[in-house]
Amino acid sequence: MSFEAKITDYGQIEGSIASPYVVDIMTLAVAKNYIKQAYGSDATEDTLLASMIKSARVWIEGYINQSVIKKQCVVYTRDELAEFRLPFGPVQTISEVVRIDYTGTETALVLNTDYYVDGLTHKRLYLYHVWSTGPGAAVAGIKATYLAYMDIIPAPIITACQMLVAENYYHRGDSTEEPINFVPFKVRDMLNPFRRVILCKC
């Protein structure tokens, strides 16, 4: 499978959450409780911890190849013109599918007429080859826009994120006792059941 992707992350830690943004995988209060820190309202520490929460969650999403927090995904393929497996599920809503010809012109495709969708959360687009292939109109690629996130975040993923935050909070920089980029084995064990393989030739 070959694709390119542009991802817009809608996760926020604290503050006013206005649509389309959502609360991230955990709040500062939850993180402070887990790492047993009661430093009060130190803005510097809050900013640091919020960054660690997001970094841990992004690492987890990369490891399991799934979107935990709400994201808008725009994915493009030039090769999968009959069947396109959408990466970075779980796919919640597909807002647009277009074909792009060699002049760069985008034409919206109609669900159940030009394509249909298969799958529950990790969806595939099946495309009908009924388009014009005259000069300048040959199909160069397919682009899909959709939202991806988990309706309910499994407890092991939340716990794994808490463990990563604690590891980063107490061992800032390269650890002298563990290999660089050390991730506790227990974190990987918790996440392995949720891993999905994405084969990309791009």
N, C-alpha and C. Protein backbone atom coordinates (compact mmCIF):
# COMPACT_ATOMS: atom_id res chain seq x y z
N MET A 1 0.85 -1.19 0.00
CA MET A 1 0.00 0.00 0.00
C MET A 1 0.88 1.23 0.00
N SER A 2 0.56 2.18 -0.84
CA SER A 2 1.32 3.40 -0.94
C SER A 2 0.40 4.59 -0.70
N PHE A 3 0.82 5.49 0.19
CA PHE A 3 -0.01 6.65 0.47
C PHE A 3 0.83 7.78 1.05
N GLU A 4 0.28 8.98 0.98
CA GLU A 4 0.80 10.14 1.69
C GLU A 4 -0.30 10.61 2.62
N ALA A 5 0.08 11.24 3.73
CA ALA A 5 -0.93 11.65 4.71
C ALA A 5 -0.60 12.99 5.33
N LYS A 6 -1.65 13.76 5.60
CA LYS A 6 -1.54 15.00 6.37
C LYS A 6 -2.49 14.87 7.55
N ILE A 7 -1.93 14.94 8.76
CA ILE A 7 -2.71 14.69 9.97
C ILE A 7 -2.82 15.97 10.79
N THR A 8 -4.04 16.30 11.20
CA THR A 8 -4.28 17.43 12.09
C THR A 8 -4.73 16.89 13.44
N ASP A 9 -3.93 17.12 14.47
CA ASP A 9 -4.18 16.58 15.81
C ASP A 9 -5.08 17.55 16.59
N TYR A 10 -6.20 17.03 17.13
CA TYR A 10 -7.15 17.86 17.86
C TYR A 10 -7.09 17.66 19.37
N GLY A 11 -6.02 17.04 19.87
CA GLY A 11 -5.90 16.81 21.31
C GLY A 11 -5.38 18.03 22.05
N GLN A 12 -6.02 18.38 23.17
CA GLN A 12 -5.56 19.46 24.06
C GLN A 12 -5.54 18.96 25.49
N ILE A 13 -4.60 19.49 26.27
CA ILE A 13 -4.47 19.04 27.66
C ILE A 13 -5.41 19.79 28.58
N GLU A 14 -5.30 21.11 28.62
CA GLU A 14 -6.07 21.93 29.56
C GLU A 14 -6.68 23.11 28.83
N GLY A 15 -7.44 23.91 29.57
CA GLY A 15 -8.00 25.14 29.02
C GLY A 15 -9.34 24.91 28.36
N SER A 16 -9.82 25.95 27.69
CA SER A 16 -11.11 25.89 27.02
C SER A 16 -11.03 24.97 25.81
N ILE A 17 -11.89 23.96 25.78
CA ILE A 17 -11.88 23.00 24.69
C ILE A 17 -13.04 23.34 23.76
N ALA A 18 -12.73 23.95 22.65
CA ALA A 18 -13.75 24.32 21.66
C ALA A 18 -13.63 23.39 20.46
N SER A 19 -14.78 22.97 19.95
CA SER A 19 -14.79 22.09 18.78
C SER A 19 -13.93 22.68 17.66
N PRO A 20 -13.14 21.85 16.97
CA PRO A 20 -13.10 20.38 16.99
C PRO A 20 -12.12 19.79 17.99
N TYR A 21 -11.57 20.60 18.91
CA TYR A 21 -10.58 20.09 19.85
C TYR A 21 -11.23 19.27 20.96
N VAL A 22 -10.47 18.33 21.50
CA VAL A 22 -10.97 17.44 22.55
C VAL A 22 -9.91 17.30 23.64
N VAL A 23 -10.34 16.86 24.81
CA VAL A 23 -9.41 16.61 25.91
C VAL A 23 -8.48 15.47 25.52
N ASP A 24 -7.21 15.64 25.80
CA ASP A 24 -6.22 14.62 25.43
C ASP A 24 -6.40 13.35 26.26
N ILE A 25 -5.48 12.43 26.12
CA ILE A 25 -5.62 11.11 26.73
C ILE A 25 -5.73 11.19 28.26
N MET A 26 -5.18 12.24 28.87
CA MET A 26 -5.34 12.45 30.31
C MET A 26 -5.18 13.92 30.63
N THR A 27 -5.68 14.34 31.78
CA THR A 27 -5.55 15.72 32.22
C THR A 27 -4.27 15.88 33.05
N LEU A 28 -3.91 17.13 33.32
CA LEU A 28 -2.76 17.38 34.19
C LEU A 28 -2.99 16.79 35.58
N ALA A 29 -4.23 16.91 36.07
CA ALA A 29 -4.54 16.40 37.41
C ALA A 29 -4.28 14.90 37.50
N VAL A 30 -4.70 14.17 36.46
CA VAL A 30 -4.49 12.71 36.45
C VAL A 30 -3.00 12.40 36.40
N ALA A 31 -2.27 13.13 35.56
CA ALA A 31 -0.83 12.89 35.45
C ALA A 31 -0.11 13.20 36.75
N LYS A 32 -0.47 14.31 37.40
CA LYS A 32 0.15 14.67 38.68
C LYS A 32 -0.11 13.61 39.74
N ASN A 33 -1.32 13.09 39.74
CA ASN A 33 -1.66 12.06 40.72
C ASN A 33 -0.83 10.80 40.48
N TYR A 34 -0.63 10.44 39.20
CA TYR A 34 0.11 9.23 38.89
C TYR A 34 1.58 9.36 39.28
N ILE A 35 2.18 10.52 38.98
CA ILE A 35 3.60 10.70 39.30
C ILE A 35 3.80 11.19 40.73
N LYS A 36 2.69 11.35 41.47
CA LYS A 36 2.71 11.74 42.88
C LYS A 36 3.44 13.07 43.07
N GLN A 37 3.02 14.05 42.27
CA GLN A 37 3.57 15.39 42.38
C GLN A 37 2.45 16.36 42.72
N ALA A 38 2.65 17.17 43.75
CA ALA A 38 1.66 18.17 44.16
C ALA A 38 2.35 19.53 44.22
N TYR A 39 2.89 19.95 43.09
CA TYR A 39 3.65 21.20 43.08
C TYR A 39 2.75 22.44 42.97
N GLY A 40 1.43 22.22 42.98
CA GLY A 40 0.52 23.36 42.92
C GLY A 40 0.26 23.79 41.50
N SER A 41 0.34 25.11 41.26
CA SER A 41 -0.01 25.64 39.95
C SER A 41 1.19 26.28 39.27
N ASP A 42 2.33 25.66 39.36
CA ASP A 42 3.54 26.15 38.72
C ASP A 42 3.35 26.05 37.20
N ALA A 43 3.26 27.19 36.54
CA ALA A 43 2.97 27.21 35.10
C ALA A 43 4.05 26.51 34.29
N THR A 44 5.30 26.65 34.72
CA THR A 44 6.41 26.03 34.00
C THR A 44 6.29 24.52 34.05
N GLU A 45 6.01 23.98 35.25
CA GLU A 45 5.86 22.54 35.39
C GLU A 45 4.62 22.04 34.64
N ASP A 46 3.54 22.81 34.69
CA ASP A 46 2.33 22.43 33.96
C ASP A 46 2.61 22.31 32.46
N THR A 47 3.32 23.28 31.92
CA THR A 47 3.64 23.27 30.50
C THR A 47 4.51 22.08 30.15
N LEU A 48 5.49 21.80 31.01
CA LEU A 48 6.39 20.67 30.80
C LEU A 48 5.62 19.35 30.82
N LEU A 49 4.76 19.20 31.82
CA LEU A 49 4.01 17.95 31.97
C LEU A 49 3.02 17.77 30.82
N ALA A 50 2.37 18.86 30.41
CA ALA A 50 1.44 18.79 29.28
C ALA A 50 2.15 18.33 28.02
N SER A 51 3.37 18.84 27.81
CA SER A 51 4.15 18.43 26.64
C SER A 51 4.50 16.95 26.72
N MET A 52 4.82 16.46 27.91
CA MET A 52 5.15 15.05 28.09
C MET A 52 3.95 14.15 27.84
N ILE A 53 2.77 14.60 28.26
CA ILE A 53 1.55 13.82 28.02
C ILE A 53 1.32 13.65 26.52
N LYS A 54 1.38 14.77 25.80
CA LYS A 54 1.15 14.70 24.36
C LYS A 54 2.23 13.87 23.67
N SER A 55 3.49 14.05 24.06
CA SER A 55 4.58 13.30 23.45
C SER A 55 4.41 11.80 23.67
N ALA A 56 4.01 11.42 24.89
CA ALA A 56 3.80 10.00 25.20
C ALA A 56 2.67 9.43 24.36
N ARG A 57 1.59 10.19 24.25
CA ARG A 57 0.43 9.73 23.47
C ARG A 57 0.78 9.60 21.98
N VAL A 58 1.53 10.57 21.45
CA VAL A 58 1.93 10.51 20.05
C VAL A 58 2.84 9.31 19.80
N TRP A 59 3.75 9.03 20.76
CA TRP A 59 4.61 7.85 20.62
C TRP A 59 3.77 6.58 20.58
N ILE A 60 2.78 6.51 21.47
CA ILE A 60 1.90 5.34 21.51
C ILE A 60 1.16 5.18 20.18
N GLU A 61 0.63 6.26 19.65
CA GLU A 61 -0.10 6.19 18.39
C GLU A 61 0.80 5.70 17.26
N GLY A 62 2.05 6.15 17.27
CA GLY A 62 2.99 5.68 16.27
C GLY A 62 3.32 4.20 16.44
N TYR A 63 3.39 3.77 17.68
CA TYR A 63 3.73 2.37 17.96
C TYR A 63 2.60 1.42 17.56
N ILE A 64 1.36 1.81 17.84
CA ILE A 64 0.23 0.92 17.55
C ILE A 64 -0.40 1.21 16.18
N ASN A 65 0.06 2.28 15.50
CA ASN A 65 -0.50 2.66 14.20
C ASN A 65 -2.01 2.87 14.26
N GLN A 66 -2.45 3.53 15.32
CA GLN A 66 -3.86 3.88 15.47
C GLN A 66 -3.96 5.27 16.08
N SER A 67 -5.06 5.94 15.80
CA SER A 67 -5.31 7.25 16.38
C SER A 67 -6.08 7.08 17.68
N VAL A 68 -5.48 7.54 18.76
CA VAL A 68 -6.15 7.47 20.07
C VAL A 68 -7.07 8.67 20.24
N ILE A 69 -6.53 9.85 19.97
CA ILE A 69 -7.26 11.11 20.13
C ILE A 69 -7.73 11.59 18.75
N LYS A 70 -8.80 12.35 18.74
CA LYS A 70 -9.41 12.84 17.50
C LYS A 70 -8.42 13.54 16.58
N LYS A 71 -8.43 13.11 15.32
CA LYS A 71 -7.59 13.71 14.29
C LYS A 71 -8.36 13.80 12.99
N GLN A 72 -8.02 14.82 12.20
CA GLN A 72 -8.48 14.85 10.82
C GLN A 72 -7.35 14.30 9.96
N CYS A 73 -7.68 13.31 9.17
CA CYS A 73 -6.69 12.68 8.29
C CYS A 73 -7.04 12.97 6.84
N VAL A 74 -6.07 13.46 6.10
CA VAL A 74 -6.20 13.62 4.65
C VAL A 74 -5.16 12.71 4.03
N VAL A 75 -5.60 11.66 3.34
CA VAL A 75 -4.67 10.67 2.80
C VAL A 75 -4.84 10.59 1.29
N TYR A 76 -3.71 10.42 0.63
CA TYR A 76 -3.68 10.39 -0.84
C TYR A 76 -2.94 9.15 -1.30
N THR A 77 -3.50 8.48 -2.31
CA THR A 77 -2.82 7.35 -2.91
C THR A 77 -2.80 7.52 -4.43
N ARG A 78 -1.71 7.12 -5.04
CA ARG A 78 -1.62 7.14 -6.49
C ARG A 78 -1.61 5.72 -7.05
N ASP A 79 -1.60 4.74 -6.17
CA ASP A 79 -1.47 3.34 -6.60
C ASP A 79 -2.71 2.49 -6.31
N GLU A 80 -3.37 2.78 -5.18
CA GLU A 80 -4.47 1.91 -4.74
C GLU A 80 -5.78 2.42 -5.34
N LEU A 81 -5.93 2.33 -6.64
CA LEU A 81 -7.08 2.93 -7.32
C LEU A 81 -8.27 1.99 -7.43
N ALA A 82 -8.17 0.78 -6.95
CA ALA A 82 -9.30 -0.14 -6.92
C ALA A 82 -9.75 -0.39 -5.48
N GLU A 83 -8.78 -0.52 -4.59
CA GLU A 83 -9.07 -0.76 -3.17
C GLU A 83 -8.06 0.03 -2.34
N PHE A 84 -8.55 0.90 -1.47
CA PHE A 84 -7.69 1.76 -0.68
C PHE A 84 -8.02 1.56 0.80
N ARG A 85 -7.09 0.95 1.53
CA ARG A 85 -7.27 0.76 2.96
C ARG A 85 -6.86 2.04 3.67
N LEU A 86 -7.80 2.67 4.36
CA LEU A 86 -7.51 3.93 5.02
C LEU A 86 -6.61 3.68 6.23
N PRO A 87 -5.45 4.36 6.30
CA PRO A 87 -4.55 4.17 7.44
C PRO A 87 -5.01 4.98 8.65
N PHE A 88 -4.40 4.73 9.79
CA PHE A 88 -4.61 5.53 11.00
C PHE A 88 -6.06 5.50 11.48
N GLY A 89 -6.67 4.32 11.53
CA GLY A 89 -8.00 4.21 12.13
C GLY A 89 -7.90 4.35 13.64
N PRO A 90 -9.00 4.17 14.33
CA PRO A 90 -10.33 3.83 13.85
C PRO A 90 -10.99 4.99 13.10
N VAL A 91 -11.53 4.70 11.92
CA VAL A 91 -12.19 5.71 11.10
C VAL A 91 -13.61 5.92 11.64
N GLN A 92 -13.94 7.16 11.95
CA GLN A 92 -15.26 7.46 12.49
C GLN A 92 -16.21 7.98 11.40
N THR A 93 -15.82 9.05 10.72
CA THR A 93 -16.64 9.61 9.65
C THR A 93 -15.76 10.00 8.47
N ILE A 94 -16.21 9.67 7.28
CA ILE A 94 -15.52 10.06 6.06
C ILE A 94 -16.27 11.24 5.47
N SER A 95 -15.60 12.38 5.37
CA SER A 95 -16.29 13.59 4.91
C SER A 95 -16.17 13.78 3.40
N GLU A 96 -15.11 13.25 2.79
CA GLU A 96 -14.93 13.49 1.36
C GLU A 96 -13.99 12.47 0.75
N VAL A 97 -14.34 12.02 -0.45
CA VAL A 97 -13.44 11.22 -1.27
C VAL A 97 -13.44 11.84 -2.66
N VAL A 98 -12.26 12.15 -3.18
CA VAL A 98 -12.16 12.76 -4.50
C VAL A 98 -11.15 12.00 -5.34
N ARG A 99 -11.35 12.06 -6.66
CA ARG A 99 -10.33 11.57 -7.59
C ARG A 99 -9.64 12.79 -8.18
N ILE A 100 -8.37 12.64 -8.47
CA ILE A 100 -7.57 13.74 -8.99
C ILE A 100 -6.99 13.30 -10.33
N ASP A 101 -7.23 14.11 -11.37
CA ASP A 101 -6.68 13.75 -12.68
C ASP A 101 -5.31 14.39 -12.88
N TYR A 102 -4.72 14.14 -14.02
CA TYR A 102 -3.35 14.60 -14.25
C TYR A 102 -3.24 16.10 -14.47
N THR A 103 -4.38 16.80 -14.57
CA THR A 103 -4.34 18.26 -14.62
C THR A 103 -4.44 18.86 -13.22
N GLY A 104 -4.63 18.00 -12.20
CA GLY A 104 -4.79 18.47 -10.82
C GLY A 104 -6.22 18.75 -10.44
N THR A 105 -7.16 18.51 -11.34
CA THR A 105 -8.58 18.75 -11.07
C THR A 105 -9.13 17.68 -10.14
N GLU A 106 -9.82 18.12 -9.07
CA GLU A 106 -10.44 17.20 -8.13
C GLU A 106 -11.92 17.06 -8.44
N THR A 107 -12.40 15.83 -8.44
CA THR A 107 -13.81 15.54 -8.67
C THR A 107 -14.33 14.71 -7.52
N ALA A 108 -15.36 15.20 -6.84
CA ALA A 108 -15.91 14.49 -5.68
C ALA A 108 -16.56 13.18 -6.14
N LEU A 109 -16.32 12.13 -5.39
CA LEU A 109 -16.93 10.84 -5.67
C LEU A 109 -18.13 10.62 -4.76
N VAL A 110 -19.11 9.89 -5.27
CA VAL A 110 -20.38 9.69 -4.57
C VAL A 110 -20.39 8.31 -3.93
N LEU A 111 -20.68 8.29 -2.63
CA LEU A 111 -20.76 7.02 -1.90
C LEU A 111 -21.82 6.12 -2.51
N ASN A 112 -21.49 4.84 -2.68
CA ASN A 112 -22.37 3.80 -3.23
C ASN A 112 -22.70 4.01 -4.70
N THR A 113 -22.05 4.99 -5.32
CA THR A 113 -22.16 5.15 -6.77
C THR A 113 -20.77 5.03 -7.39
N ASP A 114 -19.83 5.86 -6.90
CA ASP A 114 -18.45 5.81 -7.38
C ASP A 114 -17.56 4.94 -6.51
N TYR A 115 -17.97 4.75 -5.27
CA TYR A 115 -17.19 3.92 -4.35
C TYR A 115 -18.10 3.42 -3.24
N TYR A 116 -17.66 2.39 -2.55
CA TYR A 116 -18.35 1.97 -1.34
C TYR A 116 -17.34 1.67 -0.26
N VAL A 117 -17.83 1.61 0.99
CA VAL A 117 -16.96 1.49 2.16
C VAL A 117 -17.20 0.14 2.82
N ASP A 118 -16.13 -0.51 3.20
CA ASP A 118 -16.21 -1.80 3.87
C ASP A 118 -15.43 -1.74 5.18
N GLY A 119 -15.94 -2.38 6.22
CA GLY A 119 -15.23 -2.44 7.50
C GLY A 119 -15.97 -1.69 8.58
N LEU A 120 -15.66 -2.03 9.83
CA LEU A 120 -16.31 -1.40 10.97
C LEU A 120 -15.58 -0.13 11.39
N THR A 121 -14.33 -0.27 11.81
CA THR A 121 -13.56 0.90 12.23
C THR A 121 -12.31 1.11 11.38
N HIS A 122 -11.75 0.03 10.86
CA HIS A 122 -10.58 0.12 9.99
C HIS A 122 -11.08 -0.14 8.57
N LYS A 123 -11.43 0.93 7.89
CA LYS A 123 -12.23 0.85 6.68
C LYS A 123 -11.38 0.81 5.41
N ARG A 124 -11.99 0.24 4.37
CA ARG A 124 -11.41 0.22 3.03
C ARG A 124 -12.39 0.90 2.08
N LEU A 125 -11.83 1.61 1.10
CA LEU A 125 -12.64 2.17 0.02
C LEU A 125 -12.48 1.26 -1.19
N TYR A 126 -13.61 0.84 -1.76
CA TYR A 126 -13.60 0.07 -3.01
C TYR A 126 -14.12 1.00 -4.10
N LEU A 127 -13.33 1.19 -5.14
CA LEU A 127 -13.62 2.20 -6.15
C LEU A 127 -14.03 1.56 -7.47
N TYR A 128 -15.04 2.15 -8.11
CA TYR A 128 -15.52 1.66 -9.40
C TYR A 128 -14.73 2.33 -10.53
N HIS A 129 -14.27 1.55 -11.50
CA HIS A 129 -13.49 2.09 -12.62
C HIS A 129 -14.43 2.46 -13.76
N VAL A 130 -15.13 3.57 -13.62
CA VAL A 130 -16.06 4.01 -14.64
C VAL A 130 -15.74 5.44 -15.08
N TRP A 131 -14.53 5.92 -14.78
CA TRP A 131 -14.19 7.30 -15.04
C TRP A 131 -13.57 7.45 -16.42
N SER A 132 -13.70 8.66 -16.95
CA SER A 132 -13.12 8.96 -18.25
C SER A 132 -11.60 8.85 -18.19
N THR A 133 -11.02 8.31 -19.23
CA THR A 133 -9.56 8.24 -19.31
C THR A 133 -9.05 8.97 -20.55
N GLY A 134 -9.83 9.91 -21.02
CA GLY A 134 -9.43 10.70 -22.18
C GLY A 134 -8.25 11.59 -21.86
N PRO A 135 -7.71 12.30 -22.86
CA PRO A 135 -6.54 13.17 -22.65
C PRO A 135 -6.77 14.16 -21.52
N GLY A 136 -5.83 14.19 -20.58
CA GLY A 136 -5.91 15.13 -19.47
C GLY A 136 -6.86 14.72 -18.38
N ALA A 137 -7.57 13.60 -18.55
CA ALA A 137 -8.56 13.21 -17.55
C ALA A 137 -8.22 11.91 -16.85
N ALA A 138 -7.12 11.27 -17.22
CA ALA A 138 -6.76 10.01 -16.58
C ALA A 138 -6.55 10.22 -15.09
N VAL A 139 -7.01 9.27 -14.29
CA VAL A 139 -6.95 9.40 -12.84
C VAL A 139 -5.51 9.27 -12.35
N ALA A 140 -5.07 10.27 -11.60
CA ALA A 140 -3.71 10.26 -11.06
C ALA A 140 -3.69 9.80 -9.61
N GLY A 141 -4.81 9.93 -8.90
CA GLY A 141 -4.82 9.53 -7.50
C GLY A 141 -6.18 9.72 -6.86
N ILE A 142 -6.29 9.20 -5.66
CA ILE A 142 -7.50 9.29 -4.85
C ILE A 142 -7.15 9.94 -3.53
N LYS A 143 -7.98 10.88 -3.07
CA LYS A 143 -7.75 11.55 -1.78
C LYS A 143 -8.99 11.40 -0.92
N ALA A 144 -8.79 11.01 0.33
CA ALA A 144 -9.91 10.85 1.27
C ALA A 144 -9.65 11.69 2.51
N THR A 145 -10.70 12.30 3.02
CA THR A 145 -10.64 13.10 4.24
C THR A 145 -11.58 12.50 5.27
N TYR A 146 -11.08 12.26 6.49
CA TYR A 146 -11.92 11.61 7.49
C TYR A 146 -11.42 11.91 8.90
N LEU A 147 -12.27 11.62 9.87
CA LEU A 147 -11.90 11.74 11.28
C LEU A 147 -11.57 10.35 11.82
N ALA A 148 -10.51 10.28 12.64
CA ALA A 148 -10.09 9.01 13.22
C ALA A 148 -9.81 9.19 14.70
N TYR A 149 -10.38 8.32 15.52
CA TYR A 149 -10.12 8.33 16.96
C TYR A 149 -10.82 7.13 17.59
N MET A 150 -10.43 6.82 18.83
CA MET A 150 -11.06 5.74 19.57
C MET A 150 -12.26 6.28 20.35
N ASP A 151 -13.41 5.63 20.20
CA ASP A 151 -14.59 6.02 20.97
C ASP A 151 -14.32 5.89 22.46
N ILE A 152 -13.76 4.77 22.84
CA ILE A 152 -13.40 4.49 24.23
C ILE A 152 -11.94 4.06 24.23
N ILE A 153 -11.12 4.79 24.98
CA ILE A 153 -9.69 4.47 25.03
C ILE A 153 -9.48 3.31 26.01
N PRO A 154 -8.94 2.19 25.55
CA PRO A 154 -8.72 1.05 26.44
C PRO A 154 -7.82 1.40 27.62
N ALA A 155 -8.13 0.84 28.77
CA ALA A 155 -7.37 1.12 29.99
C ALA A 155 -5.87 0.85 29.84
N PRO A 156 -5.44 -0.24 29.17
CA PRO A 156 -4.00 -0.47 29.04
C PRO A 156 -3.28 0.65 28.29
N ILE A 157 -3.94 1.28 27.34
CA ILE A 157 -3.32 2.38 26.61
C ILE A 157 -3.16 3.59 27.51
N ILE A 158 -4.15 3.87 28.33
CA ILE A 158 -4.05 4.99 29.28
C ILE A 158 -2.94 4.74 30.28
N THR A 159 -2.89 3.52 30.82
CA THR A 159 -1.86 3.18 31.80
C THR A 159 -0.47 3.27 31.17
N ALA A 160 -0.34 2.78 29.95
CA ALA A 160 0.95 2.85 29.25
C ALA A 160 1.38 4.31 29.09
N CYS A 161 0.43 5.18 28.78
CA CYS A 161 0.76 6.60 28.64
C CYS A 161 1.20 7.19 29.98
N GLN A 162 0.53 6.83 31.04
CA GLN A 162 0.92 7.30 32.37
C GLN A 162 2.34 6.85 32.72
N MET A 163 2.67 5.61 32.38
CA MET A 163 4.00 5.09 32.67
C MET A 163 5.06 5.82 31.87
N LEU A 164 4.76 6.13 30.62
CA LEU A 164 5.72 6.86 29.79
C LEU A 164 5.93 8.28 30.32
N VAL A 165 4.84 8.92 30.75
CA VAL A 165 4.96 10.27 31.32
C VAL A 165 5.84 10.23 32.57
N ALA A 166 5.61 9.26 33.44
CA ALA A 166 6.40 9.14 34.67
C ALA A 166 7.87 8.89 34.34
N GLU A 167 8.13 8.03 33.36
CA GLU A 167 9.51 7.73 32.96
C GLU A 167 10.20 9.01 32.47
N ASN A 168 9.50 9.78 31.64
CA ASN A 168 10.08 11.00 31.10
C ASN A 168 10.22 12.09 32.16
N TYR A 169 9.29 12.12 33.10
CA TYR A 169 9.31 13.16 34.13
C TYR A 169 10.48 12.97 35.08
N TYR A 170 10.71 11.71 35.48
CA TYR A 170 11.77 11.45 36.46
C TYR A 170 13.13 11.21 35.83
N HIS A 171 13.18 10.89 34.55
CA HIS A 171 14.46 10.65 33.87
C HIS A 171 14.54 11.54 32.64
N ARG A 172 14.70 12.82 32.87
CA ARG A 172 14.76 13.77 31.77
C ARG A 172 16.12 13.69 31.08
N GLY A 173 16.09 13.70 29.75
CA GLY A 173 17.33 13.53 29.01
C GLY A 173 17.69 12.06 28.93
N ASP A 174 18.87 11.75 28.44
CA ASP A 174 19.32 10.37 28.31
C ASP A 174 19.64 9.79 29.68
N SER A 175 19.07 8.64 29.95
CA SER A 175 19.33 7.98 31.22
C SER A 175 20.73 7.38 31.23
N THR A 176 21.40 7.42 32.38
CA THR A 176 22.74 6.82 32.49
C THR A 176 22.64 5.35 32.83
N GLU A 177 21.43 4.89 33.24
CA GLU A 177 21.27 3.50 33.67
C GLU A 177 20.64 2.63 32.59
N GLU A 178 19.96 3.25 31.63
CA GLU A 178 19.25 2.48 30.62
C GLU A 178 19.69 2.92 29.23
N PRO A 179 19.45 2.09 28.22
CA PRO A 179 19.80 2.50 26.85
C PRO A 179 19.05 3.76 26.44
N ILE A 180 19.62 4.50 25.50
CA ILE A 180 18.94 5.68 24.97
C ILE A 180 17.62 5.25 24.34
N ASN A 181 16.60 6.11 24.47
CA ASN A 181 15.25 5.83 23.97
C ASN A 181 14.63 4.63 24.68
N PHE A 182 15.03 4.43 25.93
CA PHE A 182 14.50 3.32 26.70
C PHE A 182 13.00 3.47 26.91
N VAL A 183 12.28 2.39 26.66
CA VAL A 183 10.84 2.32 26.94
C VAL A 183 10.63 1.08 27.80
N PRO A 184 10.00 1.22 28.96
CA PRO A 184 9.80 0.06 29.83
C PRO A 184 9.13 -1.10 29.08
N PHE A 185 9.63 -2.32 29.30
CA PHE A 185 9.08 -3.49 28.62
C PHE A 185 7.58 -3.61 28.88
N LYS A 186 7.14 -3.26 30.08
CA LYS A 186 5.74 -3.40 30.43
C LYS A 186 4.86 -2.53 29.55
N VAL A 187 5.37 -1.37 29.13
CA VAL A 187 4.62 -0.49 28.24
C VAL A 187 4.37 -1.18 26.91
N ARG A 188 5.42 -1.76 26.34
CA ARG A 188 5.26 -2.47 25.06
C ARG A 188 4.31 -3.65 25.21
N ASP A 189 4.42 -4.37 26.31
CA ASP A 189 3.53 -5.51 26.55
C ASP A 189 2.07 -5.08 26.58
N MET A 190 1.80 -3.93 27.20
CA MET A 190 0.43 -3.43 27.27
C MET A 190 -0.10 -3.00 25.90
N LEU A 191 0.80 -2.48 25.08
CA LEU A 191 0.37 -1.93 23.79
C LEU A 191 0.33 -2.95 22.66
N ASN A 192 1.09 -4.03 22.78
CA ASN A 192 1.19 -4.99 21.67
C ASN A 192 -0.15 -5.52 21.17
N PRO A 193 -1.14 -5.79 22.04
CA PRO A 193 -2.43 -6.28 21.52
C PRO A 193 -3.15 -5.29 20.61
N PHE A 194 -2.76 -4.01 20.66
CA PHE A 194 -3.46 -2.99 19.89
C PHE A 194 -2.70 -2.59 18.62
N ARG A 195 -1.56 -3.21 18.37
CA ARG A 195 -0.74 -2.83 17.21
C ARG A 195 -1.40 -3.29 15.91
N ARG A 196 -1.33 -2.41 14.90
CA ARG A 196 -1.78 -2.74 13.56
C ARG A 196 -0.62 -2.46 12.61
N VAL A 197 -0.42 -3.35 11.65
CA VAL A 197 0.68 -3.22 10.71
C VAL A 197 0.21 -2.43 9.51
N ILE A 198 0.96 -1.37 9.15
CA ILE A 198 0.69 -0.60 7.95
C ILE A 198 1.90 -0.72 7.04
N LEU A 199 1.69 -1.25 5.85
CA LEU A 199 2.77 -1.40 4.88
C LEU A 199 2.66 -0.25 3.90
N CYS A 200 3.66 0.61 3.89
CA CYS A 200 3.64 1.79 3.04
C CYS A 200 4.87 1.78 2.14
N LYS A 201 4.66 1.88 0.83
CA LYS A 201 5.76 1.89 -0.12
C LYS A 201 6.13 3.29 -0.56
N CYS A 202 5.51 4.33 0.10
CA CYS A 202 5.74 5.70 -0.36
C CYS A 202 7.14 6.16 0.03
